[in-house]
Amino acid sequence: VATGKRMTDTLKPVWDEFAANWLPDGSGFFYTRMRDV
């Protein structure tokens, strides 16, 4: 948010309505991933 820059973390494949659920300390998040087709 401070820089407005995209970080290196890119996770896929995901269904685009399933959002990241952040850990309280911001060190990471839970997320839902699709299986590789």
PDB file of all heavy atoms in Angstrom:
ATOM      1  N   VAL A   1       0.822  -1.211   0.000  1.00  0.00           N
ATOM      2  CA  VAL A   1       0.000   0.000   0.000  1.00  0.00           C
ATOM      3  C   VAL A   1       0.856   1.261   0.000  1.00  0.00           C
ATOM      4  O   VAL A   1       0.532   2.248  -0.669  1.00  0.00           O
ATOM      5  CB  VAL A   1      -0.968  -0.007   1.206  1.00  0.00           C
ATOM      6  CG1 VAL A   1      -1.734   1.312   1.306  1.00  0.00           C
ATOM      7  CG2 VAL A   1      -1.944  -1.174   1.088  1.00  0.00           C
ATOM      8  N   ALA A   2       1.954   1.261   0.716  1.00  0.00           N
ATOM      9  CA  ALA A   2       2.788   2.463   0.815  1.00  0.00           C
ATOM     10  C   ALA A   2       3.358   2.865  -0.541  1.00  0.00           C
ATOM     11  O   ALA A   2       3.375   4.042  -0.904  1.00  0.00           O
ATOM     12  CB  ALA A   2       3.910   2.236   1.826  1.00  0.00           C
ATOM     13  N   THR A   3       3.832   1.888  -1.302  1.00  0.00           N
ATOM     14  CA  THR A   3       4.486   2.190  -2.574  1.00  0.00           C
ATOM     15  C   THR A   3       3.538   2.059  -3.763  1.00  0.00           C
ATOM     16  O   THR A   3       3.829   2.587  -4.844  1.00  0.00           O
ATOM     17  CB  THR A   3       5.674   1.238  -2.798  1.00  0.00           C
ATOM     18  OG1 THR A   3       5.181  -0.109  -2.916  1.00  0.00           O
ATOM     19  CG2 THR A   3       6.655   1.322  -1.638  1.00  0.00           C
ATOM     20  N   GLY A   4       2.420   1.319  -3.576  1.00  0.00           N
ATOM     21  CA  GLY A   4       1.530   1.053  -4.692  1.00  0.00           C
ATOM     22  C   GLY A   4       2.105   0.061  -5.680  1.00  0.00           C
ATOM     23  O   GLY A   4       1.597  -0.081  -6.799  1.00  0.00           O
ATOM     24  N   LYS A   5       3.141  -0.654  -5.273  1.00  0.00           N
ATOM     25  CA  LYS A   5       3.808  -1.600  -6.163  1.00  0.00           C
ATOM     26  C   LYS A   5       3.343  -3.030  -5.874  1.00  0.00           C
ATOM     27  O   LYS A   5       3.072  -3.395  -4.732  1.00  0.00           O
ATOM     28  CB  LYS A   5       5.327  -1.525  -5.971  1.00  0.00           C
ATOM     29  CG  LYS A   5       5.942  -0.176  -6.287  1.00  0.00           C
ATOM     30  CD  LYS A   5       5.943   0.085  -7.780  1.00  0.00           C
ATOM     31  CE  LYS A   5       6.599   1.423  -8.120  1.00  0.00           C
ATOM     32  NZ  LYS A   5       8.021   1.447  -7.766  1.00  0.00           N
ATOM     33  N   ARG A   6       3.285  -3.802  -6.935  1.00  0.00           N
ATOM     34  CA  ARG A   6       2.956  -5.215  -6.799  1.00  0.00           C
ATOM     35  C   ARG A   6       4.159  -5.974  -6.255  1.00  0.00           C
ATOM     36  O   ARG A   6       5.299  -5.782  -6.710  1.00  0.00           O
ATOM     37  CB  ARG A   6       2.533  -5.787  -8.144  1.00  0.00           C
ATOM     38  CG  ARG A   6       2.121  -7.245  -8.107  1.00  0.00           C
ATOM     39  CD  ARG A   6       1.445  -7.669  -9.407  1.00  0.00           C
ATOM     40  NE  ARG A   6       1.148  -9.095  -9.410  1.00  0.00           N
ATOM     41  CZ  ARG A   6       0.412  -9.704 -10.332  1.00  0.00           C
ATOM     42  NH1 ARG A   6      -0.102  -8.999 -11.335  1.00  0.00           N
ATOM     43  NH2 ARG A   6       0.187 -11.002 -10.270  1.00  0.00           N
ATOM     44  N   MET A   7       3.919  -6.828  -5.271  1.00  0.00           N
ATOM     45  CA  MET A   7       4.981  -7.630  -4.683  1.00  0.00           C
ATOM     46  C   MET A   7       5.193  -8.887  -5.520  1.00  0.00           C
ATOM     47  O   MET A   7       4.477  -9.146  -6.482  1.00  0.00           O
ATOM     48  CB  MET A   7       4.623  -7.967  -3.232  1.00  0.00           C
ATOM     49  CG  MET A   7       4.459  -6.718  -2.363  1.00  0.00           C
ATOM     50  SD  MET A   7       3.835  -7.041  -0.686  1.00  0.00           S
ATOM     51  CE  MET A   7       5.172  -8.020  -0.002  1.00  0.00           C
ATOM     52  N   THR A   8       6.196  -9.667  -5.156  1.00  0.00           N
ATOM     53  CA  THR A   8       6.548 -10.834  -5.964  1.00  0.00           C
ATOM     54  C   THR A   8       5.568 -11.991  -5.787  1.00  0.00           C
ATOM     55  O   THR A   8       5.499 -12.879  -6.636  1.00  0.00           O
ATOM     56  CB  THR A   8       7.957 -11.326  -5.613  1.00  0.00           C
ATOM     57  OG1 THR A   8       8.013 -11.629  -4.212  1.00  0.00           O
ATOM     58  CG2 THR A   8       8.997 -10.259  -5.952  1.00  0.00           C
ATOM     59  N   ASP A   9       4.791 -11.983  -4.706  1.00  0.00           N
ATOM     60  CA  ASP A   9       3.874 -13.087  -4.437  1.00  0.00           C
ATOM     61  C   ASP A   9       2.759 -13.130  -5.488  1.00  0.00           C
ATOM     62  O   ASP A   9       1.972 -12.183  -5.601  1.00  0.00           O
ATOM     63  CB  ASP A   9       3.260 -12.934  -3.051  1.00  0.00           C
ATOM     64  CG  ASP A   9       4.308 -12.805  -1.963  1.00  0.00           C
ATOM     65  OD1 ASP A   9       4.913 -11.717  -1.862  1.00  0.00           O
ATOM     66  OD2 ASP A   9       4.505 -13.780  -1.232  1.00  0.00           O
ATOM     67  N   THR A  10       2.685 -14.225  -6.233  1.00  0.00           N
ATOM     68  CA  THR A  10       1.604 -14.455  -7.187  1.00  0.00           C
ATOM     69  C   THR A  10       1.196 -15.915  -7.077  1.00  0.00           C
ATOM     70  O   THR A  10       2.030 -16.807  -7.278  1.00  0.00           O
ATOM     71  CB  THR A  10       2.040 -14.151  -8.628  1.00  0.00           C
ATOM     72  OG1 THR A  10       2.400 -12.769  -8.734  1.00  0.00           O
ATOM     73  CG2 THR A  10       0.916 -14.429  -9.608  1.00  0.00           C
ATOM     74  N   LEU A  11      -0.067 -16.150  -6.758  1.00  0.00           N
ATOM     75  CA  LEU A  11      -0.551 -17.501  -6.507  1.00  0.00           C
ATOM     76  C   LEU A  11      -1.636 -17.855  -7.519  1.00  0.00           C
ATOM     77  O   LEU A  11      -2.530 -17.051  -7.779  1.00  0.00           O
ATOM     78  CB  LEU A  11      -1.099 -17.599  -5.082  1.00  0.00           C
ATOM     79  CG  LEU A  11      -0.148 -17.060  -3.997  1.00  0.00           C
ATOM     80  CD1 LEU A  11      -0.840 -17.032  -2.651  1.00  0.00           C
ATOM     81  CD2 LEU A  11       1.112 -17.902  -3.939  1.00  0.00           C
ATOM     82  N   LYS A  12      -1.573 -19.070  -8.043  1.00  0.00           N
ATOM     83  CA  LYS A  12      -2.547 -19.489  -9.049  1.00  0.00           C
ATOM     84  C   LYS A  12      -2.536 -21.012  -9.189  1.00  0.00           C
ATOM     85  O   LYS A  12      -1.554 -21.650  -8.789  1.00  0.00           O
ATOM     86  CB  LYS A  12      -2.271 -18.809 -10.388  1.00  0.00           C
ATOM     87  CG  LYS A  12      -0.853 -19.007 -10.932  1.00  0.00           C
ATOM     88  CD  LYS A  12      -0.635 -18.145 -12.161  1.00  0.00           C
ATOM     89  CE  LYS A  12       0.784 -18.250 -12.679  1.00  0.00           C
ATOM     90  NZ  LYS A  12       1.024 -17.378 -13.841  1.00  0.00           N
ATOM     91  N   PRO A  13      -3.638 -21.553  -9.724  1.00  0.00           N
ATOM     92  CA  PRO A  13      -4.861 -20.884 -10.191  1.00  0.00           C
ATOM     93  C   PRO A  13      -5.842 -20.653  -9.037  1.00  0.00           C
ATOM     94  O   PRO A  13      -5.930 -21.466  -8.117  1.00  0.00           O
ATOM     95  CB  PRO A  13      -5.441 -21.881 -11.192  1.00  0.00           C
ATOM     96  CG  PRO A  13      -5.014 -23.226 -10.658  1.00  0.00           C
ATOM     97  CD  PRO A  13      -3.665 -23.003 -10.034  1.00  0.00           C
ATOM     98  N   VAL A  14      -6.541 -19.535  -9.106  1.00  0.00           N
ATOM     99  CA  VAL A  14      -7.577 -19.231  -8.116  1.00  0.00           C
ATOM    100  C   VAL A  14      -8.840 -18.793  -8.853  1.00  0.00           C
ATOM    101  O   VAL A  14      -8.782 -18.269  -9.963  1.00  0.00           O
ATOM    102  CB  VAL A  14      -7.145 -18.125  -7.130  1.00  0.00           C
ATOM    103  CG1 VAL A  14      -5.927 -18.553  -6.332  1.00  0.00           C
ATOM    104  CG2 VAL A  14      -6.883 -16.807  -7.847  1.00  0.00           C
ATOM    105  N   TRP A  15      -9.990 -19.025  -8.220  1.00  0.00           N
ATOM    106  CA  TRP A  15     -11.259 -18.489  -8.704  1.00  0.00           C
ATOM    107  C   TRP A  15     -11.337 -17.066  -8.185  1.00  0.00           C
ATOM    108  O   TRP A  15     -11.132 -16.820  -7.003  1.00  0.00           O
ATOM    109  CB  TRP A  15     -12.409 -19.337  -8.177  1.00  0.00           C
ATOM    110  CG  TRP A  15     -13.747 -19.000  -8.748  1.00  0.00           C
ATOM    111  CD1 TRP A  15     -14.730 -18.292  -8.134  1.00  0.00           C
ATOM    112  CD2 TRP A  15     -14.263 -19.379 -10.018  1.00  0.00           C
ATOM    113  NE1 TRP A  15     -15.835 -18.196  -8.957  1.00  0.00           N
ATOM    114  CE2 TRP A  15     -15.567 -18.854 -10.122  1.00  0.00           C
ATOM    115  CE3 TRP A  15     -13.736 -20.106 -11.093  1.00  0.00           C
ATOM    116  CZ2 TRP A  15     -16.364 -19.037 -11.251  1.00  0.00           C
ATOM    117  CZ3 TRP A  15     -14.531 -20.284 -12.219  1.00  0.00           C
ATOM    118  CH2 TRP A  15     -15.832 -19.758 -12.286  1.00  0.00           C
ATOM    119  N   ASP A  16     -11.640 -16.106  -9.058  1.00  0.00           N
ATOM    120  CA  ASP A  16     -11.386 -14.718  -8.692  1.00  0.00           C
ATOM    121  C   ASP A  16     -12.335 -14.136  -7.646  1.00  0.00           C
ATOM    122  O   ASP A  16     -12.176 -12.980  -7.251  1.00  0.00           O
ATOM    123  CB  ASP A  16     -11.340 -13.822  -9.930  1.00  0.00           C
ATOM    124  CG  ASP A  16     -12.699 -13.589 -10.580  1.00  0.00           C
ATOM    125  OD1 ASP A  16     -13.699 -14.170 -10.108  1.00  0.00           O
ATOM    126  OD2 ASP A  16     -12.760 -12.824 -11.558  1.00  0.00           O
ATOM    127  N   GLU A  17     -13.309 -14.907  -7.142  1.00  0.00           N
ATOM    128  CA  GLU A  17     -14.143 -14.385  -6.068  1.00  0.00           C
ATOM    129  C   GLU A  17     -13.640 -14.808  -4.694  1.00  0.00           C
ATOM    130  O   GLU A  17     -14.147 -14.338  -3.681  1.00  0.00           O
ATOM    131  CB  GLU A  17     -15.590 -14.846  -6.243  1.00  0.00           C
ATOM    132  CG  GLU A  17     -15.820 -16.310  -6.021  1.00  0.00           C
ATOM    133  CD  GLU A  17     -17.269 -16.714  -6.235  1.00  0.00           C
ATOM    134  OE1 GLU A  17     -17.922 -16.134  -7.120  1.00  0.00           O
ATOM    135  OE2 GLU A  17     -17.742 -17.596  -5.519  1.00  0.00           O
ATOM    136  N   PHE A  18     -12.634 -15.696  -4.648  1.00  0.00           N
ATOM    137  CA  PHE A  18     -12.115 -16.163  -3.362  1.00  0.00           C
ATOM    138  C   PHE A  18     -10.934 -15.289  -2.954  1.00  0.00           C
ATOM    139  O   PHE A  18      -9.877 -15.317  -3.585  1.00  0.00           O
ATOM    140  CB  PHE A  18     -11.700 -17.625  -3.441  1.00  0.00           C
ATOM    141  CG  PHE A  18     -12.865 -18.563  -3.550  1.00  0.00           C
ATOM    142  CD1 PHE A  18     -13.202 -19.138  -4.758  1.00  0.00           C
ATOM    143  CD2 PHE A  18     -13.642 -18.851  -2.440  1.00  0.00           C
ATOM    144  CE1 PHE A  18     -14.281 -19.995  -4.868  1.00  0.00           C
ATOM    145  CE2 PHE A  18     -14.723 -19.703  -2.540  1.00  0.00           C
ATOM    146  CZ  PHE A  18     -15.048 -20.274  -3.751  1.00  0.00           C
ATOM    147  N   ALA A  19     -11.123 -14.536  -1.879  1.00  0.00           N
ATOM    148  CA  ALA A  19     -10.140 -13.552  -1.458  1.00  0.00           C
ATOM    149  C   ALA A  19      -9.136 -14.146  -0.472  1.00  0.00           C
ATOM    150  O   ALA A  19      -9.376 -15.187   0.140  1.00  0.00           O
ATOM    151  CB  ALA A  19     -10.845 -12.359  -0.807  1.00  0.00           C
ATOM    152  N   ALA A  20      -8.018 -13.456  -0.309  1.00  0.00           N
ATOM    153  CA  ALA A  20      -7.049 -13.806   0.729  1.00  0.00           C
ATOM    154  C   ALA A  20      -7.633 -13.461   2.094  1.00  0.00           C
ATOM    155  O   ALA A  20      -8.314 -12.445   2.243  1.00  0.00           O
ATOM    156  CB  ALA A  20      -5.750 -13.037   0.504  1.00  0.00           C
ATOM    157  N   ASN A  21      -7.383 -14.284   3.101  1.00  0.00           N
ATOM    158  CA  ASN A  21      -7.783 -14.016   4.485  1.00  0.00           C
ATOM    159  C   ASN A  21      -6.514 -13.849   5.313  1.00  0.00           C
ATOM    160  O   ASN A  21      -5.812 -14.831   5.612  1.00  0.00           O
ATOM    161  CB  ASN A  21      -8.645 -15.164   5.027  1.00  0.00           C
ATOM    162  CG  ASN A  21     -10.034 -15.165   4.426  1.00  0.00           C
ATOM    163  OD1 ASN A  21     -10.839 -14.291   4.699  1.00  0.00           O
ATOM    164  ND2 ASN A  21     -10.321 -16.140   3.570  1.00  0.00           N
ATOM    165  N   TRP A  22      -6.234 -12.598   5.693  1.00  0.00           N
ATOM    166  CA  TRP A  22      -4.935 -12.235   6.251  1.00  0.00           C
ATOM    167  C   TRP A  22      -4.740 -12.746   7.678  1.00  0.00           C
ATOM    168  O   TRP A  22      -5.677 -12.793   8.475  1.00  0.00           O
ATOM    169  CB  TRP A  22      -4.769 -10.718   6.234  1.00  0.00           C
ATOM    170  CG  TRP A  22      -4.545 -10.182   4.850  1.00  0.00           C
ATOM    171  CD1 TRP A  22      -5.493  -9.769   3.965  1.00  0.00           C
ATOM    172  CD2 TRP A  22      -3.287 -10.034   4.199  1.00  0.00           C
ATOM    173  NE1 TRP A  22      -4.906  -9.368   2.793  1.00  0.00           N
ATOM    174  CE2 TRP A  22      -3.553  -9.513   2.901  1.00  0.00           C
ATOM    175  CE3 TRP A  22      -1.966 -10.281   4.574  1.00  0.00           C
ATOM    176  CZ2 TRP A  22      -2.536  -9.243   1.992  1.00  0.00           C
ATOM    177  CZ3 TRP A  22      -0.957 -10.004   3.662  1.00  0.00           C
ATOM    178  CH2 TRP A  22      -1.238  -9.494   2.379  1.00  0.00           C
ATOM    179  N   LEU A  23      -3.480 -13.092   7.983  1.00  0.00           N
ATOM    180  CA  LEU A  23      -3.096 -13.387   9.357  1.00  0.00           C
ATOM    181  C   LEU A  23      -3.020 -12.080  10.141  1.00  0.00           C
ATOM    182  O   LEU A  23      -2.746 -11.014   9.564  1.00  0.00           O
ATOM    183  CB  LEU A  23      -1.737 -14.090   9.393  1.00  0.00           C
ATOM    184  CG  LEU A  23      -1.635 -15.418   8.634  1.00  0.00           C
ATOM    185  CD1 LEU A  23      -0.223 -15.977   8.743  1.00  0.00           C
ATOM    186  CD2 LEU A  23      -2.652 -16.413   9.152  1.00  0.00           C
ATOM    187  N   PRO A  24      -3.235 -12.124  11.465  1.00  0.00           N
ATOM    188  CA  PRO A  24      -3.249 -10.880  12.254  1.00  0.00           C
ATOM    189  C   PRO A  24      -1.973 -10.050  12.139  1.00  0.00           C
ATOM    190  O   PRO A  24      -2.030  -8.816  12.177  1.00  0.00           O
ATOM    191  CB  PRO A  24      -3.456 -11.389  13.685  1.00  0.00           C
ATOM    192  CG  PRO A  24      -4.176 -12.688  13.520  1.00  0.00           C
ATOM    193  CD  PRO A  24      -3.627 -13.288  12.275  1.00  0.00           C
ATOM    194  N   ASP A  25      -0.823 -10.697  11.991  1.00  0.00           N
ATOM    195  CA  ASP A  25       0.432  -9.943  11.927  1.00  0.00           C
ATOM    196  C   ASP A  25       0.810  -9.534  10.507  1.00  0.00           C
ATOM    197  O   ASP A  25       1.847  -8.900  10.282  1.00  0.00           O
ATOM    198  CB  ASP A  25       1.572 -10.738  12.562  1.00  0.00           C
ATOM    199  CG  ASP A  25       1.860 -12.060  11.834  1.00  0.00           C
ATOM    200  OD1 ASP A  25       1.187 -12.346  10.820  1.00  0.00           O
ATOM    201  OD2 ASP A  25       2.758 -12.802  12.280  1.00  0.00           O
ATOM    202  N   GLY A  26      -0.020  -9.892   9.532  1.00  0.00           N
ATOM    203  CA  GLY A  26       0.242  -9.492   8.151  1.00  0.00           C
ATOM    204  C   GLY A  26       1.363 -10.254   7.475  1.00  0.00           C
ATOM    205  O   GLY A  26       1.788  -9.883   6.382  1.00  0.00           O
ATOM    206  N   SER A  27       1.845 -11.328   8.097  1.00  0.00           N
ATOM    207  CA  SER A  27       2.968 -12.078   7.537  1.00  0.00           C
ATOM    208  C   SER A  27       2.553 -13.009   6.398  1.00  0.00           C
ATOM    209  O   SER A  27       3.399 -13.557   5.699  1.00  0.00           O
ATOM    210  CB  SER A  27       3.650 -12.902   8.635  1.00  0.00           C
ATOM    211  OG  SER A  27       2.756 -13.881   9.155  1.00  0.00           O
ATOM    212  N   GLY A  28       1.261 -13.168   6.240  1.00  0.00           N
ATOM    213  CA  GLY A  28       0.766 -14.059   5.203  1.00  0.00           C
ATOM    214  C   GLY A  28      -0.747 -14.131   5.259  1.00  0.00           C
ATOM    215  O   GLY A  28      -1.397 -13.316   5.932  1.00  0.00           O
ATOM    216  N   PHE A  29      -1.302 -15.119   4.595  1.00  0.00           N
ATOM    217  CA  PHE A  29      -2.762 -15.222   4.549  1.00  0.00           C
ATOM    218  C   PHE A  29      -3.173 -16.641   4.188  1.00  0.00           C
ATOM    219  O   PHE A  29      -2.399 -17.429   3.624  1.00  0.00           O
ATOM    220  CB  PHE A  29      -3.346 -14.232   3.535  1.00  0.00           C
ATOM    221  CG  PHE A  29      -2.668 -14.237   2.182  1.00  0.00           C
ATOM    222  CD1 PHE A  29      -2.956 -15.225   1.238  1.00  0.00           C
ATOM    223  CD2 PHE A  29      -1.745 -13.254   1.854  1.00  0.00           C
ATOM    224  CE1 PHE A  29      -2.345 -15.227   0.005  1.00  0.00           C
ATOM    225  CE2 PHE A  29      -1.119 -13.253   0.620  1.00  0.00           C
ATOM    226  CZ  PHE A  29      -1.421 -14.241  -0.316  1.00  0.00           C
ATOM    227  N   PHE A  30      -4.409 -16.954   4.528  1.00  0.00           N
ATOM    228  CA  PHE A  30      -5.052 -18.167   4.051  1.00  0.00           C
ATOM    229  C   PHE A  30      -5.691 -17.848   2.692  1.00  0.00           C
ATOM    230  O   PHE A  30      -6.156 -16.731   2.469  1.00  0.00           O
ATOM    231  CB  PHE A  30      -6.143 -18.632   5.016  1.00  0.00           C
ATOM    232  CG  PHE A  30      -5.662 -18.877   6.422  1.00  0.00           C
ATOM    233  CD1 PHE A  30      -6.075 -18.051   7.466  1.00  0.00           C
ATOM    234  CD2 PHE A  30      -4.822 -19.934   6.716  1.00  0.00           C
ATOM    235  CE1 PHE A  30      -5.652 -18.273   8.762  1.00  0.00           C
ATOM    236  CE2 PHE A  30      -4.391 -20.173   8.012  1.00  0.00           C
ATOM    237  CZ  PHE A  30      -4.814 -19.339   9.042  1.00  0.00           C
ATOM    238  N   TYR A  31      -5.739 -18.832   1.808  1.00  0.00           N
ATOM    239  CA  TYR A  31      -6.422 -18.617   0.538  1.00  0.00           C
ATOM    240  C   TYR A  31      -6.910 -19.957  -0.010  1.00  0.00           C
ATOM    241  O   TYR A  31      -6.476 -21.029   0.430  1.00  0.00           O
ATOM    242  CB  TYR A  31      -5.519 -17.911  -0.474  1.00  0.00           C
ATOM    243  CG  TYR A  31      -4.400 -18.760  -1.055  1.00  0.00           C
ATOM    244  CD1 TYR A  31      -4.483 -19.269  -2.354  1.00  0.00           C
ATOM    245  CD2 TYR A  31      -3.259 -19.049  -0.316  1.00  0.00           C
ATOM    246  CE1 TYR A  31      -3.463 -20.043  -2.896  1.00  0.00           C
ATOM    247  CE2 TYR A  31      -2.229 -19.814  -0.842  1.00  0.00           C
ATOM    248  CZ  TYR A  31      -2.333 -20.315  -2.131  1.00  0.00           C
ATOM    249  OH  TYR A  31      -1.326 -21.085  -2.663  1.00  0.00           O
ATOM    250  N   THR A  32      -7.831 -19.889  -0.969  1.00  0.00           N
ATOM    251  CA  THR A  32      -8.387 -21.083  -1.599  1.00  0.00           C
ATOM    252  C   THR A  32      -7.847 -21.193  -3.015  1.00  0.00           C
ATOM    253  O   THR A  32      -7.921 -20.241  -3.789  1.00  0.00           O
ATOM    254  CB  THR A  32      -9.923 -21.024  -1.619  1.00  0.00           C
ATOM    255  OG1 THR A  32     -10.400 -20.974  -0.266  1.00  0.00           O
ATOM    256  CG2 THR A  32     -10.518 -22.244  -2.312  1.00  0.00           C
ATOM    257  N   ARG A  33      -7.304 -22.359  -3.324  1.00  0.00           N
ATOM    258  CA  ARG A  33      -6.680 -22.572  -4.625  1.00  0.00           C
ATOM    259  C   ARG A  33      -7.431 -23.665  -5.392  1.00  0.00           C
ATOM    260  O   ARG A  33      -7.884 -24.654  -4.812  1.00  0.00           O
ATOM    261  CB  ARG A  33      -5.218 -22.995  -4.450  1.00  0.00           C
ATOM    262  CG  ARG A  33      -4.425 -23.068  -5.766  1.00  0.00           C
ATOM    263  CD  ARG A  33      -3.158 -23.896  -5.636  1.00  0.00           C
ATOM    264  NE  ARG A  33      -2.272 -23.460  -4.568  1.00  0.00           N
ATOM    265  CZ  ARG A  33      -1.199 -24.149  -4.188  1.00  0.00           C
ATOM    266  NH1 ARG A  33      -0.897 -25.306  -4.761  1.00  0.00           N
ATOM    267  NH2 ARG A  33      -0.436 -23.696  -3.212  1.00  0.00           N
ATOM    268  N   MET A  34      -7.543 -23.471  -6.692  1.00  0.00           N
ATOM    269  CA  MET A  34      -8.083 -24.507  -7.561  1.00  0.00           C
ATOM    270  C   MET A  34      -6.995 -25.534  -7.852  1.00  0.00           C
ATOM    271  O   MET A  34      -5.805 -25.232  -7.774  1.00  0.00           O
ATOM    272  CB  MET A  34      -8.581 -23.901  -8.870  1.00  0.00           C
ATOM    273  CG  MET A  34      -9.623 -22.810  -8.702  1.00  0.00           C
ATOM    274  SD  MET A  34     -10.120 -22.071 -10.268  1.00  0.00           S
ATOM    275  CE  MET A  34     -11.029 -23.421 -11.000  1.00  0.00           C
ATOM    276  N   ARG A  35      -7.415 -26.720  -8.219  1.00  0.00           N
ATOM    277  CA  ARG A  35      -6.423 -27.713  -8.642  1.00  0.00           C
ATOM    278  C   ARG A  35      -5.977 -27.386 -10.060  1.00  0.00           C
ATOM    279  O   ARG A  35      -6.688 -26.733 -10.835  1.00  0.00           O
ATOM    280  CB  ARG A  35      -6.997 -29.121  -8.563  1.00  0.00           C
ATOM    281  CG  ARG A  35      -8.226 -29.361  -9.407  1.00  0.00           C
ATOM    282  CD  ARG A  35      -8.815 -30.734  -9.119  1.00  0.00           C
ATOM    283  NE  ARG A  35     -10.096 -30.921  -9.797  1.00  0.00           N
ATOM    284  CZ  ARG A  35     -10.222 -31.333 -11.039  1.00  0.00           C
ATOM    285  NH1 ARG A  35      -9.141 -31.623 -11.744  1.00  0.00           N
ATOM    286  NH2 ARG A  35     -11.415 -31.476 -11.596  1.00  0.00           N
ATOM    287  N   ASP A  36      -4.780 -27.803 -10.393  1.00  0.00           N
ATOM    288  CA  ASP A  36      -4.281 -27.596 -11.746  1.00  0.00           C
ATOM    289  C   ASP A  36      -5.124 -28.406 -12.720  1.00  0.00           C
ATOM    290  O   ASP A  36      -5.363 -29.601 -12.521  1.00  0.00           O
ATOM    291  CB  ASP A  36      -2.816 -28.019 -11.847  1.00  0.00           C
ATOM    292  CG  ASP A  36      -1.896 -27.100 -11.047  1.00  0.00           C
ATOM    293  OD1 ASP A  36      -2.179 -25.888 -11.003  1.00  0.00           O
ATOM    294  OD2 ASP A  36      -0.919 -27.601 -10.466  1.00  0.00           O
ATOM    295  N   VAL A  37      -5.598 -27.744 -13.749  1.00  0.00           N
ATOM    296  CA  VAL A  37      -6.462 -28.394 -14.730  1.00  0.00           C
ATOM    297  C   VAL A  37      -5.620 -29.275 -15.652  1.00  0.00           C
ATOM    298  O   VAL A  37      -4.606 -28.841 -16.196  1.00  0.00           O
ATOM    299  CB  VAL A  37      -7.238 -27.345 -15.548  1.00  0.00           C
ATOM    300  CG1 VAL A  37      -8.101 -28.018 -16.594  1.00  0.00           C
ATOM    301  CG2 VAL A  37      -8.085 -26.491 -14.627  1.00  0.00           C
TER     302      VAL A  37
END
